[in-house]
Amino acid sequence: MTTRELSRRTAVDILGDAPDDVTLRRFLHGLPGVDAVGLEQRAAALSTRSIKTTSKKWALDRIVGLIDLTTLEGADTPGKVRSLVAKAQHPDAGDPSCPSVAAVCVYGDMVPHAVAALGDRHGDPDEGGISVAAVATAFPSGRASLAVKLADTRDAVEAGADEIDMVIDRGAFLAGDYATVFDQIVQVKQACRRDDGTSAALKVILETGELNTYDNVKRASWLAILAGGDFIKTSTGKVQPAATLPVTLLMLEVVRDWHRLTGERIGVKPAGGIRTSKDAVRYLVTVAETVGEEWLAPHLFRFGASSLLNDVLLQRQKMTTGRYSGPDYVTVD
């Protein structure tokens, strides 16, 4: 059975019928509405949770190990990607105890350069390796034909990408054309399959800053998971607002509910706008309190960030000199 058929079977099991526009609309619009005030209050409360001081170093190292170090510029060159990979492998050249990041994230045409630069470090971040993630499907707009999106995905996978970060068609979603969005995710997931039967992980970018309401974020999260996404991701980083704590909390609640319903664990990736260790720690707390500390692993949680790493390294260095200026709360032990 193909990945696409498996996704459809899961959707039918949950929806009770084929995932067409009528069935998807009935399910998505039948979800309980989001209490915006309550959601924002929960996020604010989680952001002030206190914990043991001894966890600070653990938290900073954990943040490093969950980062997708990213360069997504039109001026990217093979040399820039090689420099990014060097930083990913040894974030703090002066401190060999500093962990490597989870992945490097690049455009599809830069994947071969990232794979080559990683060499034998290219591998599963849960086992000490570094993954290569590629943005695809006409990132960041998603405005292309399905044929182009699928070719974009297949090219990146064939070049060695371990993960594909796709963007949904926000125009179709906002127009209520849920079946189109669902089918595109299903087909992109099928394009993630390799000849040996393995598959690149699929992260589905919702671009929450364009979805306008928490209810839409909730519906898009459920739709992406029903269609077979392995991760749901907030943003491309090209649209503001990008990741916010309330939106990420809402997506984590969807993942929690999916796990309770099916037993399957889905990953979450907030991306864009997370620049300081203090901010990142708030996300760690939110993950631990919402879905559990087992989600604080690269196959279930990532930070999409570039500038975040620099601040975390600064805070690690300050801890060794006794001049730490980071947060007083980290995660719950």
C-alpha atoms as a PDB file:
ATOM      1  CA  MET A   1       0.000   0.000   0.000  1.00  0.00           C
ATOM      2  CA  THR A   2       1.356   3.450  -0.915  1.00  0.00           C
ATOM      3  CA  THR A   3       1.896   6.299   1.543  1.00  0.00           C
ATOM      4  CA  ARG A   4      -0.960   8.133  -0.128  1.00  0.00           C
ATOM      5  CA  GLU A   5      -3.326   5.160   0.335  1.00  0.00           C
ATOM      6  CA  LEU A   6      -2.310   4.836   3.981  1.00  0.00           C
ATOM      7  CA  SER A   7      -3.007   8.541   4.531  1.00  0.00           C
ATOM      8  CA  ARG A   8      -6.403   8.236   2.943  1.00  0.00           C
ATOM      9  CA  ARG A   9      -7.242   5.142   5.007  1.00  0.00           C
ATOM     10  CA  THR A  10      -6.345   6.966   8.226  1.00  0.00           C
ATOM     11  CA  ALA A  11      -8.438   9.949   7.159  1.00  0.00           C
ATOM     12  CA  VAL A  12     -11.404   7.719   6.355  1.00  0.00           C
ATOM     13  CA  ASP A  13     -11.093   6.034   9.753  1.00  0.00           C
ATOM     14  CA  ILE A  14     -11.209   9.400  11.528  1.00  0.00           C
ATOM     15  CA  LEU A  15     -13.679  11.176   9.254  1.00  0.00           C
ATOM     16  CA  GLY A  16     -16.013   8.231   8.735  1.00  0.00           C
ATOM     17  CA  ASP A  17     -16.085   8.801   4.960  1.00  0.00           C
ATOM     18  CA  ALA A  18     -13.883   9.681   1.984  1.00  0.00           C
ATOM     19  CA  PRO A  19     -11.958  12.955   2.524  1.00  0.00           C
ATOM     20  CA  ASP A  20     -13.840  15.076   0.001  1.00  0.00           C
ATOM     21  CA  ASP A  21     -14.840  18.707   0.445  1.00  0.00           C
ATOM     22  CA  VAL A  22     -18.130  17.878   2.155  1.00  0.00           C
ATOM     23  CA  THR A  23     -16.637  15.426   4.648  1.00  0.00           C
ATOM     24  CA  LEU A  24     -13.616  17.586   5.435  1.00  0.00           C
ATOM     25  CA  ARG A  25     -15.741  20.691   5.923  1.00  0.00           C
ATOM     26  CA  ARG A  26     -18.135  18.843   8.212  1.00  0.00           C
ATOM     27  CA  PHE A  27     -15.248  17.546  10.337  1.00  0.00           C
ATOM     28  CA  LEU A  28     -13.115  20.708  10.431  1.00  0.00           C
ATOM     29  CA  HIS A  29     -16.012  23.049  11.115  1.00  0.00           C
ATOM     30  CA  GLY A  30     -17.339  20.631  13.704  1.00  0.00           C
ATOM     31  CA  LEU A  31     -14.215  21.003  15.840  1.00  0.00           C
ATOM     32  CA  PRO A  32     -14.753  22.968  19.068  1.00  0.00           C
ATOM     33  CA  GLY A  33     -13.992  26.645  18.594  1.00  0.00           C
ATOM     34  CA  VAL A  34     -10.843  28.100  20.123  1.00  0.00           C
ATOM     35  CA  ASP A  35     -11.243  30.253  23.231  1.00  0.00           C
ATOM     36  CA  ALA A  36      -8.742  32.941  22.234  1.00  0.00           C
ATOM     37  CA  VAL A  37      -8.610  34.574  25.662  1.00  0.00           C
ATOM     38  CA  GLY A  38      -8.160  31.241  27.406  1.00  0.00           C
ATOM     39  CA  LEU A  39      -5.452  30.144  24.955  1.00  0.00           C
ATOM     40  CA  GLU A  40      -3.462  33.337  25.413  1.00  0.00           C
ATOM     41  CA  GLN A  41      -3.814  33.151  29.185  1.00  0.00           C
ATOM     42  CA  ARG A  42      -2.500  29.545  29.205  1.00  0.00           C
ATOM     43  CA  ALA A  43       0.451  30.565  27.034  1.00  0.00           C
ATOM     44  CA  ALA A  44       1.228  33.496  29.331  1.00  0.00           C
ATOM     45  CA  ALA A  45       1.046  31.285  32.427  1.00  0.00           C
ATOM     46  CA  LEU A  46       3.326  28.642  30.888  1.00  0.00           C
ATOM     47  CA  SER A  47       5.882  31.293  29.998  1.00  0.00           C
ATOM     48  CA  THR A  48       6.488  32.035  33.680  1.00  0.00           C
ATOM     49  CA  ARG A  49       6.841  28.497  35.060  1.00  0.00           C
ATOM     50  CA  SER A  50       9.688  28.201  37.559  1.00  0.00           C
ATOM     51  CA  ILE A  51      12.047  25.229  37.807  1.00  0.00           C
ATOM     52  CA  LYS A  52      15.371  24.139  39.226  1.00  0.00           C
ATOM     53  CA  THR A  53      18.358  26.345  38.552  1.00  0.00           C
ATOM     54  CA  THR A  54      20.419  23.239  37.769  1.00  0.00           C
ATOM     55  CA  SER A  55      18.343  22.702  34.607  1.00  0.00           C
ATOM     56  CA  LYS A  56      19.580  25.850  32.872  1.00  0.00           C
ATOM     57  CA  LYS A  57      22.560  24.215  31.185  1.00  0.00           C
ATOM     58  CA  TRP A  58      20.448  21.233  30.143  1.00  0.00           C
ATOM     59  CA  ALA A  59      17.854  23.531  28.596  1.00  0.00           C
ATOM     60  CA  LEU A  60      20.385  25.535  26.603  1.00  0.00           C
ATOM     61  CA  ASP A  61      21.975  22.360  25.248  1.00  0.00           C
ATOM     62  CA  ARG A  62      18.566  20.927  24.429  1.00  0.00           C
ATOM     63  CA  ILE A  63      17.645  24.059  22.479  1.00  0.00           C
ATOM     64  CA  VAL A  64      20.828  23.763  20.395  1.00  0.00           C
ATOM     65  CA  GLY A  65      20.038  20.114  19.648  1.00  0.00           C
ATOM     66  CA  LEU A  66      16.544  21.009  18.420  1.00  0.00           C
ATOM     67  CA  ILE A  67      17.500  23.796  16.012  1.00  0.00           C
ATOM     68  CA  ASP A  68      17.120  23.604  12.239  1.00  0.00           C
ATOM     69  CA  LEU A  69      19.923  25.974  11.245  1.00  0.00           C
ATOM     70  CA  THR A  70      18.629  27.752   8.189  1.00  0.00           C
ATOM     71  CA  THR A  71      19.689  29.774   5.170  1.00  0.00           C
ATOM     72  CA  LEU A  72      16.924  30.541   2.698  1.00  0.00           C
ATOM     73  CA  GLU A  73      18.095  33.486   0.628  1.00  0.00           C
ATOM     74  CA  GLY A  74      18.223  34.027  -3.094  1.00  0.00           C
ATOM     75  CA  ALA A  75      21.925  34.828  -2.726  1.00  0.00           C
ATOM     76  CA  ASP A  76      22.805  31.474  -1.096  1.00  0.00           C
ATOM     77  CA  THR A  77      25.954  29.877  -2.524  1.00  0.00           C
ATOM     78  CA  PRO A  78      27.652  26.501  -2.036  1.00  0.00           C
ATOM     79  CA  GLY A  79      30.253  28.282   0.090  1.00  0.00           C
ATOM     80  CA  LYS A  80      27.607  29.775   2.348  1.00  0.00           C
ATOM     81  CA  VAL A  81      26.015  26.354   2.776  1.00  0.00           C
ATOM     82  CA  ARG A  82      29.383  24.807   3.662  1.00  0.00           C
ATOM     83  CA  SER A  83      29.862  27.500   6.307  1.00  0.00           C
ATOM     84  CA  LEU A  84      26.381  26.789   7.652  1.00  0.00           C
ATOM     85  CA  VAL A  85      27.180  23.075   7.889  1.00  0.00           C
ATOM     86  CA  ALA A  86      30.434  23.809   9.724  1.00  0.00           C
ATOM     87  CA  LYS A  87      28.468  25.895  12.243  1.00  0.00           C
ATOM     88  CA  ALA A  88      25.858  23.149  12.544  1.00  0.00           C
ATOM     89  CA  GLN A  89      28.486  20.541  13.407  1.00  0.00           C
ATOM     90  CA  HIS A  90      30.464  22.694  15.846  1.00  0.00           C
ATOM     91  CA  PRO A  91      28.231  25.562  16.991  1.00  0.00           C
ATOM     92  CA  ASP A  92      30.830  26.752  19.512  1.00  0.00           C
ATOM     93  CA  ALA A  93      34.265  26.099  18.080  1.00  0.00           C
ATOM     94  CA  GLY A  94      35.841  26.864  21.448  1.00  0.00           C
ATOM     95  CA  ASP A  95      33.705  24.408  23.411  1.00  0.00           C
ATOM     96  CA  PRO A  96      33.685  20.779  22.230  1.00  0.00           C
ATOM     97  CA  SER A  97      30.965  19.959  24.779  1.00  0.00           C
ATOM     98  CA  CYS A  98      28.454  22.014  22.809  1.00  0.00           C
ATOM     99  CA  PRO A  99      26.033  19.714  20.959  1.00  0.00           C
ATOM    100  CA  SER A 100      25.420  19.908  17.223  1.00  0.00           C
ATOM    101  CA  VAL A 101      22.127  21.153  15.830  1.00  0.00           C
ATOM    102  CA  ALA A 102      19.392  18.833  14.559  1.00  0.00           C
ATOM    103  CA  ALA A 103      19.419  19.829  10.893  1.00  0.00           C
ATOM    104  CA  VAL A 104      20.424  22.332   8.284  1.00  0.00           C
ATOM    105  CA  CYS A 105      17.564  23.701   6.171  1.00  0.00           C
ATOM    106  CA  VAL A 106      18.242  24.946   2.647  1.00  0.00           C
ATOM    107  CA  TYR A 107      16.671  25.355  -0.765  1.00  0.00           C
ATOM    108  CA  GLY A 108      16.492  22.178  -2.836  1.00  0.00           C
ATOM    109  CA  ASP A 109      19.329  23.078  -5.180  1.00  0.00           C
ATOM    110  CA  MET A 110      21.636  23.486  -2.174  1.00  0.00           C
ATOM    111  CA  VAL A 111      20.903  19.992  -0.808  1.00  0.00           C
ATOM    112  CA  PRO A 112      23.825  18.257  -2.589  1.00  0.00           C
ATOM    113  CA  HIS A 113      26.256  20.803  -1.145  1.00  0.00           C
ATOM    114  CA  ALA A 114      24.887  20.305   2.376  1.00  0.00           C
ATOM    115  CA  VAL A 115      25.054  16.516   2.065  1.00  0.00           C
ATOM    116  CA  ALA A 116      28.626  16.653   0.779  1.00  0.00           C
ATOM    117  CA  ALA A 117      29.744  19.058   3.499  1.00  0.00           C
ATOM    118  CA  LEU A 118      28.244  16.900   6.249  1.00  0.00           C
ATOM    119  CA  GLY A 119      29.966  13.726   5.083  1.00  0.00           C
ATOM    120  CA  ASP A 120      29.664  11.017   7.711  1.00  0.00           C
ATOM    121  CA  ARG A 121      27.842  13.406  10.070  1.00  0.00           C
ATOM    122  CA  HIS A 122      24.846  13.262   7.725  1.00  0.00           C
ATOM    123  CA  GLY A 123      22.280  11.196   9.606  1.00  0.00           C
ATOM    124  CA  ASP A 124      19.509  10.911  12.166  1.00  0.00           C
ATOM    125  CA  PRO A 125      19.767  13.688  14.799  1.00  0.00           C
ATOM    126  CA  ASP A 126      18.227  11.367  17.394  1.00  0.00           C
ATOM    127  CA  GLU A 127      21.337   9.220  16.931  1.00  0.00           C
ATOM    128  CA  GLY A 128      23.905  12.026  16.848  1.00  0.00           C
ATOM    129  CA  GLY A 129      23.737  12.881  13.153  1.00  0.00           C
ATOM    130  CA  ILE A 130      22.587  16.026  11.374  1.00  0.00           C
ATOM    131  CA  SER A 131      19.695  15.929   8.916  1.00  0.00           C
ATOM    132  CA  VAL A 132      19.343  17.900   5.718  1.00  0.00           C
ATOM    133  CA  ALA A 133      15.968  19.583   5.339  1.00  0.00           C
ATOM    134  CA  ALA A 134      14.845  21.203   2.107  1.00  0.00           C
ATOM    135  CA  VAL A 135      12.035  23.672   1.583  1.00  0.00           C
ATOM    136  CA  ALA A 136       9.891  22.720  -1.385  1.00  0.00           C
ATOM    137  CA  THR A 137       6.539  23.173  -3.146  1.00  0.00           C
ATOM    138  CA  ALA A 138       7.294  26.700  -4.408  1.00  0.00           C
ATOM    139  CA  PHE A 139       8.378  27.954  -0.970  1.00  0.00           C
ATOM    140  CA  PRO A 140       7.448  30.423   0.458  1.00  0.00           C
ATOM    141  CA  SER A 141       4.319  31.345  -1.513  1.00  0.00           C
ATOM    142  CA  GLY A 142       3.172  27.900  -2.607  1.00  0.00           C
ATOM    143  CA  ARG A 143       1.915  29.510  -5.806  1.00  0.00           C
ATOM    144  CA  ALA A 144       2.749  26.896  -8.408  1.00  0.00           C
ATOM    145  CA  SER A 145       1.090  23.994 -10.169  1.00  0.00           C
ATOM    146  CA  LEU A 146       0.914  20.661  -8.387  1.00  0.00           C
ATOM    147  CA  ALA A 147       3.243  19.186 -11.016  1.00  0.00           C
ATOM    148  CA  VAL A 148       5.891  21.783 -10.171  1.00  0.00           C
ATOM    149  CA  LYS A 149       5.449  21.203  -6.431  1.00  0.00           C
ATOM    150  CA  LEU A 150       5.858  17.458  -6.814  1.00  0.00           C
ATOM    151  CA  ALA A 151       8.912  17.817  -9.066  1.00  0.00           C
ATOM    152  CA  ASP A 152      10.423  20.249  -6.542  1.00  0.00           C
ATOM    153  CA  THR A 153       9.925  17.665  -3.798  1.00  0.00           C
ATOM    154  CA  ARG A 154      11.225  14.689  -5.773  1.00  0.00           C
ATOM    155  CA  ASP A 155      14.347  16.590  -6.831  1.00  0.00           C
ATOM    156  CA  ALA A 156      15.208  17.453  -3.224  1.00  0.00           C
ATOM    157  CA  VAL A 157      14.638  13.895  -2.005  1.00  0.00           C
ATOM    158  CA  GLU A 158      16.713  12.428  -4.823  1.00  0.00           C
ATOM    159  CA  ALA A 159      19.505  14.880  -3.960  1.00  0.00           C
ATOM    160  CA  GLY A 160      19.627  13.496  -0.409  1.00  0.00           C
ATOM    161  CA  ALA A 161      17.157  15.543   1.651  1.00  0.00           C
ATOM    162  CA  ASP A 162      16.003  13.750   4.806  1.00  0.00           C
ATOM    163  CA  GLU A 163      13.137  16.151   5.439  1.00  0.00           C
ATOM    164  CA  ILE A 164      10.854  18.207   3.227  1.00  0.00           C
ATOM    165  CA  ASP A 165       9.299  21.433   4.487  1.00  0.00           C
ATOM    166  CA  MET A 166       6.287  22.083   2.244  1.00  0.00           C
ATOM    167  CA  VAL A 167       3.909  25.040   2.249  1.00  0.00           C
ATOM    168  CA  ILE A 168       0.170  24.611   1.998  1.00  0.00           C
ATOM    169  CA  ASP A 169      -1.911  26.508  -0.526  1.00  0.00           C
ATOM    170  CA  ARG A 170      -3.229  29.150   1.847  1.00  0.00           C
ATOM    171  CA  GLY A 171      -5.483  30.621  -0.819  1.00  0.00           C
ATOM    172  CA  ALA A 172      -7.239  27.282  -1.302  1.00  0.00           C
ATOM    173  CA  PHE A 173      -7.523  26.776   2.455  1.00  0.00           C
ATOM    174  CA  LEU A 174      -8.983  30.232   3.104  1.00  0.00           C
ATOM    175  CA  ALA A 175     -11.428  29.703   0.230  1.00  0.00           C
ATOM    176  CA  GLY A 176     -12.647  26.555   1.977  1.00  0.00           C
ATOM    177  CA  ASP A 177     -11.219  24.235  -0.685  1.00  0.00           C
ATOM    178  CA  TYR A 178     -10.038  21.754   1.916  1.00  0.00           C
ATOM    179  CA  ALA A 179      -9.976  18.769  -0.439  1.00  0.00           C
ATOM    180  CA  THR A 180      -7.387  20.468  -2.661  1.00  0.00           C
ATOM    181  CA  VAL A 181      -5.127  21.200   0.299  1.00  0.00           C
ATOM    182  CA  PHE A 182      -5.569  17.666   1.629  1.00  0.00           C
ATOM    183  CA  ASP A 183      -4.836  16.035  -1.730  1.00  0.00           C
ATOM    184  CA  GLN A 184      -1.732  18.156  -2.315  1.00  0.00           C
ATOM    185  CA  ILE A 185      -0.279  17.169   1.056  1.00  0.00           C
ATOM    186  CA  VAL A 186      -1.019  13.507   0.334  1.00  0.00           C
ATOM    187  CA  GLN A 187       0.704  13.700  -3.055  1.00  0.00           C
ATOM    188  CA  VAL A 188       3.710  15.586  -1.711  1.00  0.00           C
ATOM    189  CA  LYS A 189       4.104  12.913   0.957  1.00  0.00           C
ATOM    190  CA  GLN A 190       4.063  10.285  -1.766  1.00  0.00           C
ATOM    191  CA  ALA A 191       6.784  12.260  -3.595  1.00  0.00           C
ATOM    192  CA  CYS A 192       8.892  12.009  -0.416  1.00  0.00           C
ATOM    193  CA  ARG A 193       9.261   8.255  -0.940  1.00  0.00           C
ATOM    194  CA  ARG A 194      12.602   6.906  -2.105  1.00  0.00           C
ATOM    195  CA  ASP A 195      13.247   3.972  -4.401  1.00  0.00           C
ATOM    196  CA  ASP A 196      14.302   1.808  -1.438  1.00  0.00           C
ATOM    197  CA  GLY A 197      10.901   2.241   0.213  1.00  0.00           C
ATOM    198  CA  THR A 198      12.036   4.718   2.870  1.00  0.00           C
ATOM    199  CA  SER A 199      10.665   8.227   2.979  1.00  0.00           C
ATOM    200  CA  ALA A 200      11.804  11.722   3.827  1.00  0.00           C
ATOM    201  CA  ALA A 201       9.875  13.214   6.742  1.00  0.00           C
ATOM    202  CA  LEU A 202       7.241  15.748   5.712  1.00  0.00           C
ATOM    203  CA  LYS A 203       6.851  19.023   7.607  1.00  0.00           C
ATOM    204  CA  VAL A 204       3.708  20.904   6.609  1.00  0.00           C
ATOM    205  CA  ILE A 205       4.042  24.690   6.900  1.00  0.00           C
ATOM    206  CA  LEU A 206       0.709  26.332   7.700  1.00  0.00           C
ATOM    207  CA  GLU A 207       1.924  29.962   7.492  1.00  0.00           C
ATOM    208  CA  THR A 208      -0.171  30.802  10.508  1.00  0.00           C
ATOM    209  CA  GLY A 209       0.370  34.546  10.072  1.00  0.00           C
ATOM    210  CA  GLU A 210      -1.853  34.378   6.986  1.00  0.00           C
ATOM    211  CA  LEU A 211      -4.579  32.192   8.474  1.00  0.00           C
ATOM    212  CA  ASN A 212      -6.063  35.120  10.436  1.00  0.00           C
ATOM    213  CA  THR A 213      -7.804  33.209  13.265  1.00  0.00           C
ATOM    214  CA  TYR A 214      -6.988  30.576  15.865  1.00  0.00           C
ATOM    215  CA  ASP A 215      -9.880  28.492  14.537  1.00  0.00           C
ATOM    216  CA  ASN A 216      -8.211  28.423  11.115  1.00  0.00           C
ATOM    217  CA  VAL A 217      -4.890  27.398  12.675  1.00  0.00           C
ATOM    218  CA  LYS A 218      -6.654  24.545  14.465  1.00  0.00           C
ATOM    219  CA  ARG A 219      -8.424  23.414  11.293  1.00  0.00           C
ATOM    220  CA  ALA A 220      -5.254  23.623   9.200  1.00  0.00           C
ATOM    221  CA  SER A 221      -3.351  21.605  11.816  1.00  0.00           C
ATOM    222  CA  TRP A 222      -5.939  18.836  11.790  1.00  0.00           C
ATOM    223  CA  LEU A 223      -6.075  18.879   7.988  1.00  0.00           C
ATOM    224  CA  ALA A 224      -2.290  18.558   7.656  1.00  0.00           C
ATOM    225  CA  ILE A 225      -2.160  15.640  10.089  1.00  0.00           C
ATOM    226  CA  LEU A 226      -5.124  13.875   8.496  1.00  0.00           C
ATOM    227  CA  ALA A 227      -3.348  14.125   5.135  1.00  0.00           C
ATOM    228  CA  GLY A 228      -0.231  12.445   6.521  1.00  0.00           C
ATOM    229  CA  GLY A 229       2.119  15.230   7.638  1.00  0.00           C
ATOM    230  CA  ASP A 230       4.850  14.069  10.024  1.00  0.00           C
ATOM    231  CA  PHE A 231       5.288  17.590  11.467  1.00  0.00           C
ATOM    232  CA  ILE A 232       3.141  20.676  11.520  1.00  0.00           C
ATOM    233  CA  LYS A 233       5.152  23.889  11.247  1.00  0.00           C
ATOM    234  CA  THR A 234       4.014  27.420  11.998  1.00  0.00           C
ATOM    235  CA  SER A 235       5.690  29.561   9.396  1.00  0.00           C
ATOM    236  CA  THR A 236       8.065  30.125   6.522  1.00  0.00           C
ATOM    237  CA  GLY A 237       9.757  32.940   8.434  1.00  0.00           C
ATOM    238  CA  LYS A 238       8.935  35.228   5.507  1.00  0.00           C
ATOM    239  CA  VAL A 239       5.555  36.430   6.851  1.00  0.00           C
ATOM    240  CA  GLN A 240       4.807  38.286  10.083  1.00  0.00           C
ATOM    241  CA  PRO A 241       3.627  37.311  12.579  1.00  0.00           C
ATOM    242  CA  ALA A 242       5.571  34.076  12.395  1.00  0.00           C
ATOM    243  CA  ALA A 243       5.792  31.716  15.388  1.00  0.00           C
ATOM    244  CA  THR A 244       4.004  32.865  18.534  1.00  0.00           C
ATOM    245  CA  LEU A 245       3.627  30.985  21.798  1.00  0.00           C
ATOM    246  CA  PRO A 246      -0.208  30.880  21.720  1.00  0.00           C
ATOM    247  CA  VAL A 247      -0.246  29.524  18.159  1.00  0.00           C
ATOM    248  CA  THR A 248       2.381  26.921  19.004  1.00  0.00           C
ATOM    249  CA  LEU A 249       0.443  25.933  22.134  1.00  0.00           C
ATOM    250  CA  LEU A 250      -2.676  25.478  20.008  1.00  0.00           C
ATOM    251  CA  MET A 251      -0.797  23.265  17.534  1.00  0.00           C
ATOM    252  CA  LEU A 252       0.632  21.223  20.407  1.00  0.00           C
ATOM    253  CA  GLU A 253      -2.895  20.730  21.754  1.00  0.00           C
ATOM    254  CA  VAL A 254      -3.954  19.377  18.353  1.00  0.00           C
ATOM    255  CA  VAL A 255      -0.971  17.005  18.370  1.00  0.00           C
ATOM    256  CA  ARG A 256      -1.884  15.906  21.902  1.00  0.00           C
ATOM    257  CA  ASP A 257      -5.475  15.230  20.860  1.00  0.00           C
ATOM    258  CA  TRP A 258      -4.323  13.295  17.777  1.00  0.00           C
ATOM    259  CA  HIS A 259      -2.059  11.145  19.938  1.00  0.00           C
ATOM    260  CA  ARG A 260      -4.912  10.398  22.332  1.00  0.00           C
ATOM    261  CA  LEU A 261      -7.115   9.469  19.382  1.00  0.00           C
ATOM    262  CA  THR A 262      -4.671   7.357  17.361  1.00  0.00           C
ATOM    263  CA  GLY A 263      -1.570   6.679  19.457  1.00  0.00           C
ATOM    264  CA  GLU A 264       0.567   8.383  16.780  1.00  0.00           C
ATOM    265  CA  ARG A 265       3.070  11.118  17.668  1.00  0.00           C
ATOM    266  CA  ILE A 266       3.270  14.106  15.326  1.00  0.00           C
ATOM    267  CA  GLY A 267       6.033  16.708  15.480  1.00  0.00           C
ATOM    268  CA  VAL A 268       5.709  20.469  15.856  1.00  0.00           C
ATOM    269  CA  LYS A 269       8.087  23.118  14.532  1.00  0.00           C
ATOM    270  CA  PRO A 270       7.712  26.788  15.460  1.00  0.00           C
ATOM    271  CA  ALA A 271       9.712  28.849  12.975  1.00  0.00           C
ATOM    272  CA  GLY A 272      10.470  32.525  12.617  1.00  0.00           C
ATOM    273  CA  GLY A 273      10.780  35.182  15.284  1.00  0.00           C
ATOM    274  CA  ILE A 274      12.316  33.070  18.077  1.00  0.00           C
ATOM    275  CA  ARG A 275      15.571  34.919  18.671  1.00  0.00           C
ATOM    276  CA  THR A 276      16.561  34.561  22.334  1.00  0.00           C
ATOM    277  CA  SER A 277      17.223  31.704  24.717  1.00  0.00           C
ATOM    278  CA  LYS A 278      14.604  33.162  27.045  1.00  0.00           C
ATOM    279  CA  ASP A 279      11.973  32.853  24.309  1.00  0.00           C
ATOM    280  CA  ALA A 280      13.109  29.344  23.356  1.00  0.00           C
ATOM    281  CA  VAL A 281      12.926  28.148  26.959  1.00  0.00           C
ATOM    282  CA  ARG A 282       9.289  29.219  27.095  1.00  0.00           C
ATOM    283  CA  TYR A 283       8.636  26.910  24.157  1.00  0.00           C
ATOM    284  CA  LEU A 284      10.392  24.019  25.928  1.00  0.00           C
ATOM    285  CA  VAL A 285       8.170  24.507  28.958  1.00  0.00           C
ATOM    286  CA  THR A 286       5.071  24.677  26.775  1.00  0.00           C
ATOM    287  CA  VAL A 287       5.993  21.436  25.017  1.00  0.00           C
ATOM    288  CA  ALA A 288       6.744  19.604  28.265  1.00  0.00           C
ATOM    289  CA  GLU A 289       3.527  20.751  29.917  1.00  0.00           C
ATOM    290  CA  THR A 290       1.254  20.165  26.902  1.00  0.00           C
ATOM    291  CA  VAL A 291       2.429  16.928  25.273  1.00  0.00           C
ATOM    292  CA  GLY A 292       5.152  15.702  27.620  1.00  0.00           C
ATOM    293  CA  GLU A 293       8.931  15.791  27.830  1.00  0.00           C
ATOM    294  CA  GLU A 294       9.228  12.879  25.375  1.00  0.00           C
ATOM    295  CA  TRP A 295       8.406  15.426  22.664  1.00  0.00           C
ATOM    296  CA  LEU A 296      11.657  17.281  23.419  1.00  0.00           C
ATOM    297  CA  ALA A 297      13.539  15.198  20.860  1.00  0.00           C
ATOM    298  CA  PRO A 298      14.510  16.052  17.275  1.00  0.00           C
ATOM    299  CA  HIS A 299      11.994  13.688  15.677  1.00  0.00           C
ATOM    300  CA  LEU A 300       9.132  15.476  17.480  1.00  0.00           C
ATOM    301  CA  PHE A 301      10.126  19.100  18.032  1.00  0.00           C
ATOM    302  CA  ARG A 302      12.300  21.628  16.205  1.00  0.00           C
ATOM    303  CA  PHE A 303      13.057  25.321  16.244  1.00  0.00           C
ATOM    304  CA  GLY A 304      13.266  26.933  12.818  1.00  0.00           C
ATOM    305  CA  ALA A 305      15.796  29.640  13.550  1.00  0.00           C
ATOM    306  CA  SER A 306      19.043  31.263  12.542  1.00  0.00           C
ATOM    307  CA  SER A 307      19.760  34.054  15.026  1.00  0.00           C
ATOM    308  CA  LEU A 308      18.540  31.982  18.009  1.00  0.00           C
ATOM    309  CA  LEU A 309      21.683  29.864  18.053  1.00  0.00           C
ATOM    310  CA  ASN A 310      23.943  32.871  18.583  1.00  0.00           C
ATOM    311  CA  ASP A 311      22.077  33.973  21.706  1.00  0.00           C
ATOM    312  CA  VAL A 312      22.002  30.455  23.145  1.00  0.00           C
ATOM    313  CA  LEU A 313      25.759  30.128  22.644  1.00  0.00           C
ATOM    314  CA  LEU A 314      26.268  33.480  24.358  1.00  0.00           C
ATOM    315  CA  GLN A 315      24.236  32.323  27.344  1.00  0.00           C
ATOM    316  CA  ARG A 316      26.179  29.018  27.517  1.00  0.00           C
ATOM    317  CA  GLN A 317      29.445  30.959  27.549  1.00  0.00           C
ATOM    318  CA  LYS A 318      28.180  33.288  30.274  1.00  0.00           C
ATOM    319  CA  MET A 319      27.252  30.300  32.434  1.00  0.00           C
ATOM    320  CA  THR A 320      30.849  29.065  32.352  1.00  0.00           C
ATOM    321  CA  THR A 321      32.104  32.483  33.479  1.00  0.00           C
ATOM    322  CA  GLY A 322      29.405  33.071  36.070  1.00  0.00           C
ATOM    323  CA  ARG A 323      27.778  35.911  34.128  1.00  0.00           C
ATOM    324  CA  TYR A 324      24.659  34.102  32.954  1.00  0.00           C
ATOM    325  CA  SER A 325      21.820  36.440  31.969  1.00  0.00           C
ATOM    326  CA  GLY A 326      19.282  33.974  30.665  1.00  0.00           C
ATOM    327  CA  PRO A 327      15.930  32.865  32.093  1.00  0.00           C
ATOM    328  CA  ASP A 328      15.373  31.596  35.620  1.00  0.00           C
ATOM    329  CA  TYR A 329      12.905  28.944  34.432  1.00  0.00           C
ATOM    330  CA  VAL A 330      13.548  26.152  31.990  1.00  0.00           C
ATOM    331  CA  THR A 331      11.435  22.994  32.174  1.00  0.00           C
ATOM    332  CA  VAL A 332       9.716  20.884  34.728  1.00  0.00           C
ATOM    333  CA  ASP A 333      11.789  18.135  36.371  1.00  0.00           C
END
